[in-house]
Amino acid sequence: MTVVYKYPLRSPVVSVEMPDGGAIRLVARDPASVNPAIWVEHDLRQPAVRRTFLVFGTGMEVEAESTHVGSLIAGDYVWHVYERHRTA
């Protein structure tokens, strides 16, 4: 079964447990809370994994071991969301 879930990004570093292999479909301001959030499409048959997302403002140093997943505009600011690389 495939579903899309929302994950609020309420701090600069957010770790969430979700089904493995989820594809990020949207990075935007959550209209319900005005906080940044990501919407991820999942196959609920997959086992759960922990994924960590990082939020950086424009001009901030980005963590080297991360991958850009999307950006969003919030008022006068542009925020950039990265996923920390998983370690084996």
Protein backbone atom coordinates (compact mmCIF):
# COMPACT_ATOMS: atom_id res chain seq x y z
CA MET A 1 0.00 0.00 0.00
CA THR A 2 1.39 3.40 -0.98
CA VAL A 3 0.66 6.54 1.04
CA VAL A 4 2.03 10.07 1.45
CA TYR A 5 2.84 11.25 4.98
CA LYS A 6 3.82 14.71 6.22
CA TYR A 7 6.84 15.18 8.51
CA PRO A 8 7.18 18.59 10.23
CA LEU A 9 10.69 20.05 10.44
CA ARG A 10 10.40 21.94 13.74
CA SER A 11 14.13 22.21 14.40
CA PRO A 12 17.36 22.40 12.38
CA VAL A 13 17.95 18.63 12.81
CA VAL A 14 15.02 16.22 12.67
CA SER A 15 15.25 12.41 12.82
CA VAL A 16 12.15 10.44 11.90
CA GLU A 17 11.33 6.78 11.53
CA MET A 18 9.61 5.91 8.27
CA PRO A 19 9.28 3.02 5.82
CA ASP A 20 12.50 2.45 3.88
CA GLY A 21 12.80 3.82 0.36
CA GLY A 22 10.31 6.68 0.79
CA ALA A 23 10.48 9.29 -1.97
CA ILE A 24 10.32 12.96 -1.00
CA ARG A 25 7.53 14.53 -3.01
CA LEU A 26 7.35 18.07 -1.56
CA VAL A 27 9.32 20.44 0.68
CA ALA A 28 7.15 23.41 1.69
CA ARG A 29 5.65 25.41 4.52
CA ASP A 30 2.96 23.44 6.27
CA PRO A 31 -0.22 25.53 5.95
CA ALA A 32 -1.46 24.11 9.27
CA SER A 33 1.54 25.32 11.29
CA VAL A 34 3.62 27.55 8.93
CA ASN A 35 6.67 25.41 9.85
CA PRO A 36 8.76 23.73 7.15
CA ALA A 37 7.71 20.16 6.35
CA ILE A 38 8.39 17.36 3.93
CA TRP A 39 5.84 15.08 2.32
CA VAL A 40 7.15 11.59 1.63
CA GLU A 41 5.57 8.83 -0.46
CA HIS A 42 5.92 5.41 1.19
CA ASP A 43 5.29 1.77 0.52
CA LEU A 44 3.98 0.68 3.92
CA ARG A 45 5.19 -2.89 3.29
CA GLN A 46 8.81 -1.75 3.68
CA PRO A 47 10.64 -2.03 7.02
CA ALA A 48 11.10 1.13 9.08
CA VAL A 49 14.38 3.08 9.02
CA ARG A 50 15.54 6.26 10.73
CA ARG A 51 16.24 9.20 8.40
CA THR A 52 17.73 12.53 9.48
CA PHE A 53 16.92 15.84 7.81
CA LEU A 54 18.84 19.10 8.25
CA VAL A 55 17.52 22.62 7.66
CA PHE A 56 19.94 25.37 6.64
CA GLY A 57 19.34 29.02 5.85
CA THR A 58 20.85 30.62 2.77
CA GLY A 59 24.51 31.42 3.45
CA MET A 60 24.88 28.86 6.24
CA GLU A 61 27.52 26.16 5.97
CA VAL A 62 25.98 22.86 4.79
CA GLU A 63 26.99 19.55 6.35
CA ALA A 64 29.34 17.77 3.93
CA GLU A 65 27.78 14.32 4.32
CA SER A 66 24.29 15.32 3.19
CA THR A 67 22.18 15.58 0.04
CA HIS A 68 19.85 18.43 -0.94
CA VAL A 69 16.19 17.32 -1.05
CA GLY A 70 14.44 20.65 -1.54
CA SER A 71 14.13 24.33 -0.61
CA LEU A 72 11.28 26.52 0.52
CA ILE A 73 10.50 30.20 0.94
CA ALA A 74 9.16 31.34 4.32
CA GLY A 75 8.59 35.07 4.52
CA ASP A 76 11.89 36.82 3.82
CA TYR A 77 13.94 33.63 4.17
CA VAL A 78 14.82 30.70 1.94
CA TRP A 79 15.48 27.43 3.78
CA HIS A 80 17.27 24.45 2.30
CA VAL A 81 16.54 20.89 3.45
CA TYR A 82 19.20 18.19 3.24
CA GLU A 83 19.19 14.54 4.20
CA ARG A 84 22.13 13.27 6.20
CA HIS A 85 23.80 10.31 4.50
CA ARG A 86 23.13 7.03 6.26
CA THR A 87 26.12 5.28 7.69
CA ALA A 88 26.49 1.53 7.38
